[in-house]
Amino acid sequence: MRQAVRYLRTRVRAFGSGNRKFLMSVIIYLYKHMLVKEIKVKKNV
């Protein structure tokens, strides 16, 4: 998860804080990705 945060920060710096739509899409993508991971883990147990 730390890698994702670091990646996000570099993206924000590259695009500038003005690009909120991009930021939101990345956050939503990460959130969905985390949910999928959690669901998979729960199924495996």
PDB file of N, CA and C in Angstrom:
ATOM      1  N   MET A   1       0.839  -1.205   0.000  1.00  0.00           N
ATOM      2  CA  MET A   1       0.000   0.000   0.000  1.00  0.00           C
ATOM      3  C   MET A   1       0.877   1.261   0.000  1.00  0.00           C
ATOM      4  N   ARG A   2       2.020   1.177   0.690  1.00  0.00           N
ATOM      5  CA  ARG A   2       2.908   2.345   0.730  1.00  0.00           C
ATOM      6  C   ARG A   2       3.392   2.714  -0.663  1.00  0.00           C
ATOM      7  N   GLN A   3       3.661   1.689  -1.472  1.00  0.00           N
ATOM      8  CA  GLN A   3       4.116   1.945  -2.849  1.00  0.00           C
ATOM      9  C   GLN A   3       3.060   2.729  -3.619  1.00  0.00           C
ATOM     10  N   ALA A   4       1.799   2.348  -3.422  1.00  0.00           N
ATOM     11  CA  ALA A   4       0.704   3.025  -4.118  1.00  0.00           C
ATOM     12  C   ALA A   4       0.636   4.494  -3.710  1.00  0.00           C
ATOM     13  N   VAL A   5       0.816   4.746  -2.408  1.00  0.00           N
ATOM     14  CA  VAL A   5       0.771   6.133  -1.916  1.00  0.00           C
ATOM     15  C   VAL A   5       1.918   6.937  -2.515  1.00  0.00           C
ATOM     16  N   ARG A   6       3.103   6.313  -2.546  1.00  0.00           N
ATOM     17  CA  ARG A   6       4.269   6.989  -3.111  1.00  0.00           C
ATOM     18  C   ARG A   6       4.027   7.294  -4.588  1.00  0.00           C
ATOM     19  N   TYR A   7       3.441   6.314  -5.292  1.00  0.00           N
ATOM     20  CA  TYR A   7       3.113   6.491  -6.712  1.00  0.00           C
ATOM     21  C   TYR A   7       2.125   7.636  -6.890  1.00  0.00           C
ATOM     22  N   LEU A   8       1.115   7.660  -6.033  1.00  0.00           N
ATOM     23  CA  LEU A   8       0.111   8.729  -6.096  1.00  0.00           C
ATOM     24  C   LEU A   8       0.766  10.101  -5.947  1.00  0.00           C
ATOM     25  N   ARG A   9       1.675  10.206  -4.966  1.00  0.00           N
ATOM     26  CA  ARG A   9       2.327  11.496  -4.714  1.00  0.00           C
ATOM     27  C   ARG A   9       3.136  11.953  -5.917  1.00  0.00           C
ATOM     28  N   THR A  10       3.839  11.031  -6.550  1.00  0.00           N
ATOM     29  CA  THR A  10       4.631  11.408  -7.724  1.00  0.00           C
ATOM     30  C   THR A  10       3.706  11.821  -8.864  1.00  0.00           C
ATOM     31  N   ARG A  11       2.565  11.138  -8.982  1.00  0.00           N
ATOM     32  CA  ARG A  11       1.593  11.494 -10.027  1.00  0.00           C
ATOM     33  C   ARG A  11       1.075  12.909  -9.779  1.00  0.00           C
ATOM     34  N   VAL A  12       0.710  13.177  -8.535  1.00  0.00           N
ATOM     35  CA  VAL A  12       0.153  14.493  -8.188  1.00  0.00           C
ATOM     36  C   VAL A  12       1.162  15.579  -8.528  1.00  0.00           C
ATOM     37  N   ARG A  13       2.435  15.319  -8.206  1.00  0.00           N
ATOM     38  CA  ARG A  13       3.476  16.303  -8.489  1.00  0.00           C
ATOM     39  C   ARG A  13       3.624  16.499  -9.986  1.00  0.00           C
ATOM     40  N   ALA A  14       3.529  15.406 -10.731  1.00  0.00           N
ATOM     41  CA  ALA A  14       3.713  15.471 -12.183  1.00  0.00           C
ATOM     42  C   ALA A  14       2.561  16.234 -12.854  1.00  0.00           C
ATOM     43  N   PHE A  15       1.347  15.989 -12.412  1.00  0.00           N
ATOM     44  CA  PHE A  15       0.174  16.585 -13.057  1.00  0.00           C
ATOM     45  C   PHE A  15      -0.226  17.928 -12.445  1.00  0.00           C
ATOM     46  N   GLY A  16       0.220  18.163 -11.214  1.00  0.00           N
ATOM     47  CA  GLY A  16      -0.189  19.377 -10.522  1.00  0.00           C
ATOM     48  C   GLY A  16      -1.488  19.135  -9.778  1.00  0.00           C
ATOM     49  N   SER A  17      -1.676  19.851  -8.678  1.00  0.00           N
ATOM     50  CA  SER A  17      -2.851  19.624  -7.832  1.00  0.00           C
ATOM     51  C   SER A  17      -4.140  20.076  -8.512  1.00  0.00           C
ATOM     52  N   GLY A  18      -4.020  20.754  -9.650  1.00  0.00           N
ATOM     53  CA  GLY A  18      -5.210  21.238 -10.353  1.00  0.00           C
ATOM     54  C   GLY A  18      -5.985  20.114 -11.033  1.00  0.00           C
ATOM     55  N   ASN A  19      -5.324  18.978 -11.267  1.00  0.00           N
ATOM     56  CA  ASN A  19      -5.978  17.889 -11.986  1.00  0.00           C
ATOM     57  C   ASN A  19      -6.705  16.975 -11.001  1.00  0.00           C
ATOM     58  N   ARG A  20      -7.822  17.475 -10.480  1.00  0.00           N
ATOM     59  CA  ARG A  20      -8.556  16.730  -9.435  1.00  0.00           C
ATOM     60  C   ARG A  20      -9.300  15.532 -10.012  1.00  0.00           C
ATOM     61  N   LYS A  21      -9.782  15.654 -11.236  1.00  0.00           N
ATOM     62  CA  LYS A  21     -10.532  14.539 -11.834  1.00  0.00           C
ATOM     63  C   LYS A  21      -9.644  13.312 -11.936  1.00  0.00           C
ATOM     64  N   PHE A  22      -8.410  13.526 -12.392  1.00  0.00           N
ATOM     65  CA  PHE A  22      -7.459  12.414 -12.513  1.00  0.00           C
ATOM     66  C   PHE A  22      -7.194  11.810 -11.139  1.00  0.00           C
ATOM     67  N   LEU A  23      -6.980  12.689 -10.155  1.00  0.00           N
ATOM     68  CA  LEU A  23      -6.706  12.246  -8.790  1.00  0.00           C
ATOM     69  C   LEU A  23      -7.859  11.386  -8.269  1.00  0.00           C
ATOM     70  N   MET A  24      -9.073  11.849  -8.479  1.00  0.00           N
ATOM     71  CA  MET A  24     -10.240  11.109  -7.998  1.00  0.00           C
ATOM     72  C   MET A  24     -10.336   9.738  -8.661  1.00  0.00           C
ATOM     73  N   SER A  25     -10.079   9.694  -9.968  1.00  0.00           N
ATOM     74  CA  SER A  25     -10.167   8.414 -10.675  1.00  0.00           C
ATOM     75  C   SER A  25      -9.127   7.442 -10.144  1.00  0.00           C
ATOM     76  N   VAL A  26      -7.926   7.948  -9.828  1.00  0.00           N
ATOM     77  CA  VAL A  26      -6.876   7.083  -9.282  1.00  0.00           C
ATOM     78  C   VAL A  26      -7.284   6.569  -7.902  1.00  0.00           C
ATOM     79  N   ILE A  27      -7.824   7.463  -7.070  1.00  0.00           N
ATOM     80  CA  ILE A  27      -8.243   7.068  -5.719  1.00  0.00           C
ATOM     81  C   ILE A  27      -9.352   6.019  -5.798  1.00  0.00           C
ATOM     82  N   ILE A  28     -10.314   6.234  -6.683  1.00  0.00           N
ATOM     83  CA  ILE A  28     -11.416   5.279  -6.849  1.00  0.00           C
ATOM     84  C   ILE A  28     -10.870   3.934  -7.330  1.00  0.00           C
ATOM     85  N   TYR A  29      -9.924   3.988  -8.273  1.00  0.00           N
ATOM     86  CA  TYR A  29      -9.313   2.754  -8.784  1.00  0.00           C
ATOM     87  C   TYR A  29      -8.617   2.003  -7.650  1.00  0.00           C
ATOM     88  N   LEU A  30      -7.827   2.733  -6.858  1.00  0.00           N
ATOM     89  CA  LEU A  30      -7.112   2.102  -5.744  1.00  0.00           C
ATOM     90  C   LEU A  30      -8.106   1.510  -4.751  1.00  0.00           C
ATOM     91  N   TYR A  31      -9.170   2.253  -4.448  1.00  0.00           N
ATOM     92  CA  TYR A  31     -10.173   1.801  -3.490  1.00  0.00           C
ATOM     93  C   TYR A  31     -10.823   0.501  -3.964  1.00  0.00           C
ATOM     94  N   LYS A  32     -11.204   0.463  -5.241  1.00  0.00           N
ATOM     95  CA  LYS A  32     -11.822  -0.743  -5.803  1.00  0.00           C
ATOM     96  C   LYS A  32     -10.829  -1.895  -5.766  1.00  0.00           C
ATOM     97  N   HIS A  33      -9.574  -1.606  -6.088  1.00  0.00           N
ATOM     98  CA  HIS A  33      -8.530  -2.625  -6.104  1.00  0.00           C
ATOM     99  C   HIS A  33      -8.376  -3.239  -4.713  1.00  0.00           C
ATOM    100  N   MET A  34      -8.402  -2.370  -3.690  1.00  0.00           N
ATOM    101  CA  MET A  34      -8.275  -2.842  -2.309  1.00  0.00           C
ATOM    102  C   MET A  34      -9.478  -3.722  -1.947  1.00  0.00           C
ATOM    103  N   LEU A  35     -10.669  -3.308  -2.358  1.00  0.00           N
ATOM    104  CA  LEU A  35     -11.880  -4.078  -2.058  1.00  0.00           C
ATOM    105  C   LEU A  35     -11.790  -5.459  -2.695  1.00  0.00           C
ATOM    106  N   VAL A  36     -11.362  -5.507  -3.942  1.00  0.00           N
ATOM    107  CA  VAL A  36     -11.238  -6.790  -4.644  1.00  0.00           C
ATOM    108  C   VAL A  36     -10.252  -7.689  -3.921  1.00  0.00           C
ATOM    109  N   LYS A  37      -9.137  -7.111  -3.482  1.00  0.00           N
ATOM    110  CA  LYS A  37      -8.133  -7.888  -2.751  1.00  0.00           C
ATOM    111  C   LYS A  37      -8.739  -8.460  -1.484  1.00  0.00           C
ATOM    112  N   GLU A  38      -9.458  -7.636  -0.733  1.00  0.00           N
ATOM    113  CA  GLU A  38     -10.055  -8.081   0.526  1.00  0.00           C
ATOM    114  C   GLU A  38     -11.059  -9.202   0.289  1.00  0.00           C
ATOM    115  N   ILE A  39     -11.862  -9.066  -0.764  1.00  0.00           N
ATOM    116  CA  ILE A  39     -12.867 -10.083  -1.081  1.00  0.00           C
ATOM    117  C   ILE A  39     -12.168 -11.405  -1.424  1.00  0.00           C
ATOM    118  N   LYS A  40     -11.090 -11.320  -2.207  1.00  0.00           N
ATOM    119  CA  LYS A  40     -10.348 -12.530  -2.589  1.00  0.00           C
ATOM    120  C   LYS A  40      -9.770 -13.205  -1.368  1.00  0.00           C
ATOM    121  N   VAL A  41      -9.219 -12.399  -0.456  1.00  0.00           N
ATOM    122  CA  VAL A  41      -8.626 -12.948   0.769  1.00  0.00           C
ATOM    123  C   VAL A  41      -9.691 -13.659   1.598  1.00  0.00           C
ATOM    124  N   LYS A  42     -10.855 -13.040   1.708  1.00  0.00           N
ATOM    125  CA  LYS A  42     -11.942 -13.625   2.496  1.00  0.00           C
ATOM    126  C   LYS A  42     -12.415 -14.939   1.868  1.00  0.00           C
ATOM    127  N   LYS A  43     -12.446 -15.001   0.558  1.00  0.00           N
ATOM    128  CA  LYS A  43     -12.888 -16.222  -0.126  1.00  0.00           C
ATOM    129  C   LYS A  43     -11.885 -17.354   0.086  1.00  0.00           C
ATOM    130  N   ASN A  44     -10.603 -17.006   0.102  1.00  0.00           N
ATOM    131  CA  ASN A  44      -9.552 -18.019   0.248  1.00  0.00           C
ATOM    132  C   ASN A  44      -9.551 -18.641   1.634  1.00  0.00           C
ATOM    133  N   VAL A  45      -9.959 -17.880   2.643  1.00  0.00           N
ATOM    134  CA  VAL A  45      -9.935 -18.402   4.016  1.00  0.00           C
ATOM    135  C   VAL A  45     -11.012 -19.468   4.187  1.00  0.00           C
TER     136      VAL A  45
END
